[in-house]
Amino acid sequence: MFKKAFWVPYEDCADYPTVTKAKDAISRYCAENGWFYSFPAEDAVIIEGKEYEVYRGYESGSRGNYGIKCKEK
């Protein structure tokens, strides 16, 4: 079974996203889309009642750029 996942826009793609940078990017993304969110843990976010695991690392196919991915648990 496939899980829903999406990449969050991250402008500092040359720098590894710290927990703080990831939370800031996710907060901005959710605010722009009018979604309710909360962070129950460092690498987890609840958006509109669904829990997502937060991945901070290389974005596949991006030639070494870093990214932030939210994957439904």
PDB file of N, CA and C in Angstrom:
ATOM      1  N   MET A   1       0.838  -1.173   0.000  1.00  0.00           N
ATOM      2  CA  MET A   1       0.000   0.000   0.000  1.00  0.00           C
ATOM      3  C   MET A   1       0.887   1.243   0.000  1.00  0.00           C
ATOM      4  N   PHE A   2       0.561   2.205  -0.860  1.00  0.00           N
ATOM      5  CA  PHE A   2       1.341   3.427  -0.953  1.00  0.00           C
ATOM      6  C   PHE A   2       0.874   4.446   0.075  1.00  0.00           C
ATOM      7  N   LYS A   3       1.815   5.227   0.554  1.00  0.00           N
ATOM      8  CA  LYS A   3       1.486   6.255   1.532  1.00  0.00           C
ATOM      9  C   LYS A   3       1.600   7.621   0.872  1.00  0.00           C
ATOM     10  N   LYS A   4       0.743   8.529   1.260  1.00  0.00           N
ATOM     11  CA  LYS A   4       0.757   9.880   0.728  1.00  0.00           C
ATOM     12  C   LYS A   4       2.001  10.611   1.239  1.00  0.00           C
ATOM     13  N   ALA A   5       2.689  11.285   0.344  1.00  0.00           N
ATOM     14  CA  ALA A   5       3.884  12.036   0.709  1.00  0.00           C
ATOM     15  C   ALA A   5       3.977  13.275  -0.167  1.00  0.00           C
ATOM     16  N   PHE A   6       4.624  14.314   0.363  1.00  0.00           N
ATOM     17  CA  PHE A   6       4.835  15.521  -0.426  1.00  0.00           C
ATOM     18  C   PHE A   6       6.087  16.239   0.061  1.00  0.00           C
ATOM     19  N   TRP A   7       6.713  16.953  -0.868  1.00  0.00           N
ATOM     20  CA  TRP A   7       7.892  17.758  -0.553  1.00  0.00           C
ATOM     21  C   TRP A   7       7.435  19.155  -0.180  1.00  0.00           C
ATOM     22  N   VAL A   8       8.038  19.695   0.851  1.00  0.00           N
ATOM     23  CA  VAL A   8       7.741  21.051   1.308  1.00  0.00           C
ATOM     24  C   VAL A   8       8.769  21.987   0.678  1.00  0.00           C
ATOM     25  N   PRO A   9       8.353  23.129   0.120  1.00  0.00           N
ATOM     26  CA  PRO A   9       9.314  24.069  -0.465  1.00  0.00           C
ATOM     27  C   PRO A   9      10.380  24.463   0.563  1.00  0.00           C
ATOM     28  N   TYR A  10      11.637  24.345   0.146  1.00  0.00           N
ATOM     29  CA  TYR A  10      12.771  24.659   1.021  1.00  0.00           C
ATOM     30  C   TYR A  10      13.788  25.427   0.195  1.00  0.00           C
ATOM     31  N   GLU A  11      13.931  26.716   0.476  1.00  0.00           N
ATOM     32  CA  GLU A  11      14.755  27.593  -0.348  1.00  0.00           C
ATOM     33  C   GLU A  11      16.260  27.410  -0.149  1.00  0.00           C
ATOM     34  N   ASP A  12      16.692  27.008   1.037  1.00  0.00           N
ATOM     35  CA  ASP A  12      18.127  26.848   1.321  1.00  0.00           C
ATOM     36  C   ASP A  12      18.594  25.443   0.953  1.00  0.00           C
ATOM     37  N   CYS A  13      18.307  25.007  -0.262  1.00  0.00           N
ATOM     38  CA  CYS A  13      18.527  23.619  -0.644  1.00  0.00           C
ATOM     39  C   CYS A  13      19.993  23.187  -0.600  1.00  0.00           C
ATOM     40  N   ALA A  14      20.937  24.122  -0.522  1.00  0.00           N
ATOM     41  CA  ALA A  14      22.344  23.756  -0.423  1.00  0.00           C
ATOM     42  C   ALA A  14      22.738  23.427   1.017  1.00  0.00           C
ATOM     43  N   ASP A  15      21.918  23.854   1.989  1.00  0.00           N
ATOM     44  CA  ASP A  15      22.189  23.621   3.407  1.00  0.00           C
ATOM     45  C   ASP A  15      21.255  22.555   3.965  1.00  0.00           C
ATOM     46  N   TYR A  16      21.821  21.671   4.796  1.00  0.00           N
ATOM     47  CA  TYR A  16      21.011  20.630   5.431  1.00  0.00           C
ATOM     48  C   TYR A  16      19.937  21.276   6.304  1.00  0.00           C
ATOM     49  N   PRO A  17      18.682  20.865   6.167  1.00  0.00           N
ATOM     50  CA  PRO A  17      17.612  21.466   6.977  1.00  0.00           C
ATOM     51  C   PRO A  17      17.622  20.954   8.415  1.00  0.00           C
ATOM     52  N   THR A  18      17.912  21.835   9.347  1.00  0.00           N
ATOM     53  CA  THR A  18      17.864  21.467  10.756  1.00  0.00           C
ATOM     54  C   THR A  18      16.400  21.280  11.158  1.00  0.00           C
ATOM     55  N   VAL A  19      16.182  20.805  12.361  1.00  0.00           N
ATOM     56  CA  VAL A  19      14.816  20.627  12.853  1.00  0.00           C
ATOM     57  C   VAL A  19      14.086  21.970  12.839  1.00  0.00           C
ATOM     58  N   THR A  20      14.752  23.018  13.289  1.00  0.00           N
ATOM     59  CA  THR A  20      14.136  24.342  13.336  1.00  0.00           C
ATOM     60  C   THR A  20      13.787  24.837  11.937  1.00  0.00           C
ATOM     61  N   LYS A  21      14.715  24.683  10.979  1.00  0.00           N
ATOM     62  CA  LYS A  21      14.448  25.115   9.602  1.00  0.00           C
ATOM     63  C   LYS A  21      13.304  24.314   8.988  1.00  0.00           C
ATOM     64  N   ALA A  22      13.253  23.023   9.291  1.00  0.00           N
ATOM     65  CA  ALA A  22      12.184  22.175   8.760  1.00  0.00           C
ATOM     66  C   ALA A  22      10.833  22.600   9.324  1.00  0.00           C
ATOM     67  N   LYS A  23      10.776  22.849  10.620  1.00  0.00           N
ATOM     68  CA  LYS A  23       9.525  23.282  11.239  1.00  0.00           C
ATOM     69  C   LYS A  23       9.072  24.626  10.685  1.00  0.00           C
ATOM     70  N   ASP A  24      10.021  25.536  10.475  1.00  0.00           N
ATOM     71  CA  ASP A  24       9.684  26.846   9.910  1.00  0.00           C
ATOM     72  C   ASP A  24       9.116  26.699   8.503  1.00  0.00           C
ATOM     73  N   ALA A  25       9.741  25.865   7.679  1.00  0.00           N
ATOM     74  CA  ALA A  25       9.284  25.659   6.300  1.00  0.00           C
ATOM     75  C   ALA A  25       7.903  25.010   6.273  1.00  0.00           C
ATOM     76  N   ILE A  26       7.697  24.016   7.136  1.00  0.00           N
ATOM     77  CA  ILE A  26       6.396  23.340   7.198  1.00  0.00           C
ATOM     78  C   ILE A  26       5.323  24.300   7.703  1.00  0.00           C
ATOM     79  N   SER A  27       5.651  25.095   8.710  1.00  0.00           N
ATOM     80  CA  SER A  27       4.697  26.082   9.247  1.00  0.00           C
ATOM     81  C   SER A  27       4.284  27.077   8.170  1.00  0.00           C
ATOM     82  N   ARG A  28       5.260  27.582   7.426  1.00  0.00           N
ATOM     83  CA  ARG A  28       4.979  28.528   6.346  1.00  0.00           C
ATOM     84  C   ARG A  28       4.095  27.891   5.273  1.00  0.00           C
ATOM     85  N   TYR A  29       4.431  26.659   4.898  1.00  0.00           N
ATOM     86  CA  TYR A  29       3.683  25.938   3.861  1.00  0.00           C
ATOM     87  C   TYR A  29       2.231  25.704   4.294  1.00  0.00           C
ATOM     88  N   CYS A  30       2.048  25.300   5.533  1.00  0.00           N
ATOM     89  CA  CYS A  30       0.691  25.057   6.046  1.00  0.00           C
ATOM     90  C   CYS A  30      -0.097  26.364   6.145  1.00  0.00           C
ATOM     91  N   ALA A  31       0.550  27.438   6.608  1.00  0.00           N
ATOM     92  CA  ALA A  31      -0.121  28.724   6.724  1.00  0.00           C
ATOM     93  C   ALA A  31      -0.567  29.236   5.350  1.00  0.00           C
ATOM     94  N   GLU A  32       0.281  29.064   4.338  1.00  0.00           N
ATOM     95  CA  GLU A  32      -0.061  29.504   2.980  1.00  0.00           C
ATOM     96  C   GLU A  32      -1.269  28.753   2.425  1.00  0.00           C
ATOM     97  N   ASN A  33      -1.428  27.493   2.857  1.00  0.00           N
ATOM     98  CA  ASN A  33      -2.525  26.671   2.367  1.00  0.00           C
ATOM     99  C   ASN A  33      -3.734  26.655   3.297  1.00  0.00           C
ATOM    100  N   GLY A  34      -3.637  27.355   4.438  1.00  0.00           N
ATOM    101  CA  GLY A  34      -4.756  27.431   5.375  1.00  0.00           C
ATOM    102  C   GLY A  34      -5.002  26.144   6.140  1.00  0.00           C
ATOM    103  N   TRP A  35      -3.948  25.352   6.350  1.00  0.00           N
ATOM    104  CA  TRP A  35      -4.079  24.077   7.051  1.00  0.00           C
ATOM    105  C   TRP A  35      -3.712  24.235   8.521  1.00  0.00           C
ATOM    106  N   PHE A  36      -4.402  23.478   9.376  1.00  0.00           N
ATOM    107  CA  PHE A  36      -4.065  23.416  10.797  1.00  0.00           C
ATOM    108  C   PHE A  36      -2.970  22.382  10.971  1.00  0.00           C
ATOM    109  N   TYR A  37      -2.007  22.666  11.844  1.00  0.00           N
ATOM    110  CA  TYR A  37      -0.875  21.756  12.033  1.00  0.00           C
ATOM    111  C   TYR A  37      -0.360  21.846  13.469  1.00  0.00           C
ATOM    112  N   SER A  38       0.353  20.821  13.872  1.00  0.00           N
ATOM    113  CA  SER A  38       1.048  20.819  15.166  1.00  0.00           C
ATOM    114  C   SER A  38       2.221  19.856  15.065  1.00  0.00           C
ATOM    115  N   PHE A  39       3.192  20.045  15.934  1.00  0.00           N
ATOM    116  CA  PHE A  39       4.389  19.213  15.938  1.00  0.00           C
ATOM    117  C   PHE A  39       4.440  18.397  17.234  1.00  0.00           C
ATOM    118  N   PRO A  40       4.026  17.121  17.190  1.00  0.00           N
ATOM    119  CA  PRO A  40       4.067  16.291  18.398  1.00  0.00           C
ATOM    120  C   PRO A  40       5.472  15.802  18.745  1.00  0.00           C
ATOM    121  N   ALA A  41       6.401  15.864  17.778  1.00  0.00           N
ATOM    122  CA  ALA A  41       7.781  15.421  17.990  1.00  0.00           C
ATOM    123  C   ALA A  41       8.679  16.157  17.006  1.00  0.00           C
ATOM    124  N   GLU A  42      10.003  15.992  17.144  1.00  0.00           N
ATOM    125  CA  GLU A  42      10.949  16.673  16.264  1.00  0.00           C
ATOM    126  C   GLU A  42      10.749  16.302  14.799  1.00  0.00           C
ATOM    127  N   ASP A  43      10.554  15.034  14.529  1.00  0.00           N
ATOM    128  CA  ASP A  43      10.435  14.569  13.149  1.00  0.00           C
ATOM    129  C   ASP A  43       9.031  14.070  12.832  1.00  0.00           C
ATOM    130  N   ALA A  44       8.031  14.785  13.345  1.00  0.00           N
ATOM    131  CA  ALA A  44       6.635  14.438  13.068  1.00  0.00           C
ATOM    132  C   ALA A  44       5.800  15.714  13.058  1.00  0.00           C
ATOM    133  N   VAL A  45       4.781  15.700  12.204  1.00  0.00           N
ATOM    134  CA  VAL A  45       3.853  16.823  12.136  1.00  0.00           C
ATOM    135  C   VAL A  45       2.455  16.270  11.889  1.00  0.00           C
ATOM    136  N   ILE A  46       1.473  16.892  12.489  1.00  0.00           N
ATOM    137  CA  ILE A  46       0.079  16.534  12.243  1.00  0.00           C
ATOM    138  C   ILE A  46      -0.528  17.680  11.441  1.00  0.00           C
ATOM    139  N   ILE A  47      -0.994  17.363  10.234  1.00  0.00           N
ATOM    140  CA  ILE A  47      -1.597  18.351   9.349  1.00  0.00           C
ATOM    141  C   ILE A  47      -3.027  17.916   9.059  1.00  0.00           C
ATOM    142  N   GLU A  48      -3.966  18.786   9.425  1.00  0.00           N
ATOM    143  CA  GLU A  48      -5.383  18.505   9.193  1.00  0.00           C
ATOM    144  C   GLU A  48      -5.787  17.120   9.726  1.00  0.00           C
ATOM    145  N   GLY A  49      -5.245  16.748  10.896  1.00  0.00           N
ATOM    146  CA  GLY A  49      -5.622  15.499  11.544  1.00  0.00           C
ATOM    147  C   GLY A  49      -4.859  14.268  11.094  1.00  0.00           C
ATOM    148  N   LYS A  50      -3.974  14.390  10.100  1.00  0.00           N
ATOM    149  CA  LYS A  50      -3.176  13.245   9.644  1.00  0.00           C
ATOM    150  C   LYS A  50      -1.739  13.432  10.097  1.00  0.00           C
ATOM    151  N   GLU A  51      -1.147  12.338  10.598  1.00  0.00           N
ATOM    152  CA  GLU A  51       0.225  12.414  11.084  1.00  0.00           C
ATOM    153  C   GLU A  51       1.202  12.069   9.968  1.00  0.00           C
ATOM    154  N   TYR A  52       2.257  12.869   9.869  1.00  0.00           N
ATOM    155  CA  TYR A  52       3.290  12.688   8.866  1.00  0.00           C
ATOM    156  C   TYR A  52       4.659  12.589   9.524  1.00  0.00           C
ATOM    157  N   GLU A  53       5.498  11.750   8.972  1.00  0.00           N
ATOM    158  CA  GLU A  53       6.900  11.657   9.369  1.00  0.00           C
ATOM    159  C   GLU A  53       7.648  12.699   8.547  1.00  0.00           C
ATOM    160  N   VAL A  54       8.540  13.453   9.183  1.00  0.00           N
ATOM    161  CA  VAL A  54       9.289  14.497   8.489  1.00  0.00           C
ATOM    162  C   VAL A  54      10.671  13.958   8.141  1.00  0.00           C
ATOM    163  N   TYR A  55      10.971  13.934   6.836  1.00  0.00           N
ATOM    164  CA  TYR A  55      12.283  13.508   6.342  1.00  0.00           C
ATOM    165  C   TYR A  55      13.073  14.754   5.972  1.00  0.00           C
ATOM    166  N   ARG A  56      14.286  14.845   6.476  1.00  0.00           N
ATOM    167  CA  ARG A  56      15.177  15.950   6.145  1.00  0.00           C
ATOM    168  C   ARG A  56      16.437  15.346   5.536  1.00  0.00           C
ATOM    169  N   GLY A  57      16.653  15.571   4.257  1.00  0.00           N
ATOM    170  CA  GLY A  57      17.828  14.997   3.621  1.00  0.00           C
ATOM    171  C   GLY A  57      17.837  15.277   2.135  1.00  0.00           C
ATOM    172  N   TYR A  58      18.567  14.419   1.409  1.00  0.00           N
ATOM    173  CA  TYR A  58      18.686  14.630  -0.030  1.00  0.00           C
ATOM    174  C   TYR A  58      17.360  14.407  -0.733  1.00  0.00           C
ATOM    175  N   GLU A  59      17.060  15.301  -1.633  1.00  0.00           N
ATOM    176  CA  GLU A  59      15.869  15.186  -2.463  1.00  0.00           C
ATOM    177  C   GLU A  59      16.254  14.369  -3.685  1.00  0.00           C
ATOM    178  N   SER A  60      15.626  13.236  -3.874  1.00  0.00           N
ATOM    179  CA  SER A  60      15.992  12.351  -4.977  1.00  0.00           C
ATOM    180  C   SER A  60      15.819  13.053  -6.320  1.00  0.00           C
ATOM    181  N   GLY A  61      16.809  12.856  -7.194  1.00  0.00           N
ATOM    182  CA  GLY A  61      16.763  13.448  -8.517  1.00  0.00           C
ATOM    183  C   GLY A  61      17.096  14.927  -8.557  1.00  0.00           C
ATOM    184  N   SER A  62      17.612  15.474  -7.461  1.00  0.00           N
ATOM    185  CA  SER A  62      17.862  16.918  -7.414  1.00  0.00           C
ATOM    186  C   SER A  62      19.342  17.274  -7.486  1.00  0.00           C
ATOM    187  N   ARG A  63      20.180  16.313  -7.811  1.00  0.00           N
ATOM    188  CA  ARG A  63      21.627  16.545  -7.948  1.00  0.00           C
ATOM    189  C   ARG A  63      22.263  17.027  -6.653  1.00  0.00           C
ATOM    190  N   GLY A  64      21.894  16.424  -5.553  1.00  0.00           N
ATOM    191  CA  GLY A  64      22.542  16.709  -4.279  1.00  0.00           C
ATOM    192  C   GLY A  64      21.915  17.799  -3.446  1.00  0.00           C
ATOM    193  N   ASN A  65      20.767  18.311  -3.842  1.00  0.00           N
ATOM    194  CA  ASN A  65      20.104  19.337  -3.046  1.00  0.00           C
ATOM    195  C   ASN A  65      19.332  18.701  -1.894  1.00  0.00           C
ATOM    196  N   TYR A  66      19.254  19.429  -0.798  1.00  0.00           N
ATOM    197  CA  TYR A  66      18.501  18.965   0.360  1.00  0.00           C
ATOM    198  C   TYR A  66      17.037  19.367   0.245  1.00  0.00           C
ATOM    199  N   GLY A  67      16.192  18.622   0.949  1.00  0.00           N
ATOM    200  CA  GLY A  67      14.776  18.922   0.942  1.00  0.00           C
ATOM    201  C   GLY A  67      14.102  18.452   2.196  1.00  0.00           C
ATOM    202  N   ILE A  68      12.818  18.753   2.306  1.00  0.00           N
ATOM    203  CA  ILE A  68      11.987  18.352   3.441  1.00  0.00           C
ATOM    204  C   ILE A  68      10.771  17.626   2.880  1.00  0.00           C
ATOM    205  N   LYS A  69      10.591  16.399   3.318  1.00  0.00           N
ATOM    206  CA  LYS A  69       9.486  15.580   2.820  1.00  0.00           C
ATOM    207  C   LYS A  69       8.617  15.143   3.976  1.00  0.00           C
ATOM    208  N   CYS A  70       7.317  15.232   3.794  1.00  0.00           N
ATOM    209  CA  CYS A  70       6.356  14.756   4.783  1.00  0.00           C
ATOM    210  C   CYS A  70       5.703  13.497   4.212  1.00  0.00           C
ATOM    211  N   LYS A  71       5.816  12.396   4.958  1.00  0.00           N
ATOM    212  CA  LYS A  71       5.274  11.109   4.512  1.00  0.00           C
ATOM    213  C   LYS A  71       4.250  10.632   5.537  1.00  0.00           C
ATOM    214  N   GLU A  72       3.043  10.329   5.056  1.00  0.00           N
ATOM    215  CA  GLU A  72       1.963   9.901   5.947  1.00  0.00           C
ATOM    216  C   GLU A  72       2.343   8.620   6.655  1.00  0.00           C
ATOM    217  N   LYS A  73       2.056   8.580   7.973  1.00  0.00           N
ATOM    218  CA  LYS A  73       2.365   7.382   8.764  1.00  0.00           C
ATOM    219  C   LYS A  73       1.256   6.367   8.641  1.00  0.00           C
TER     220      LYS A  73
END
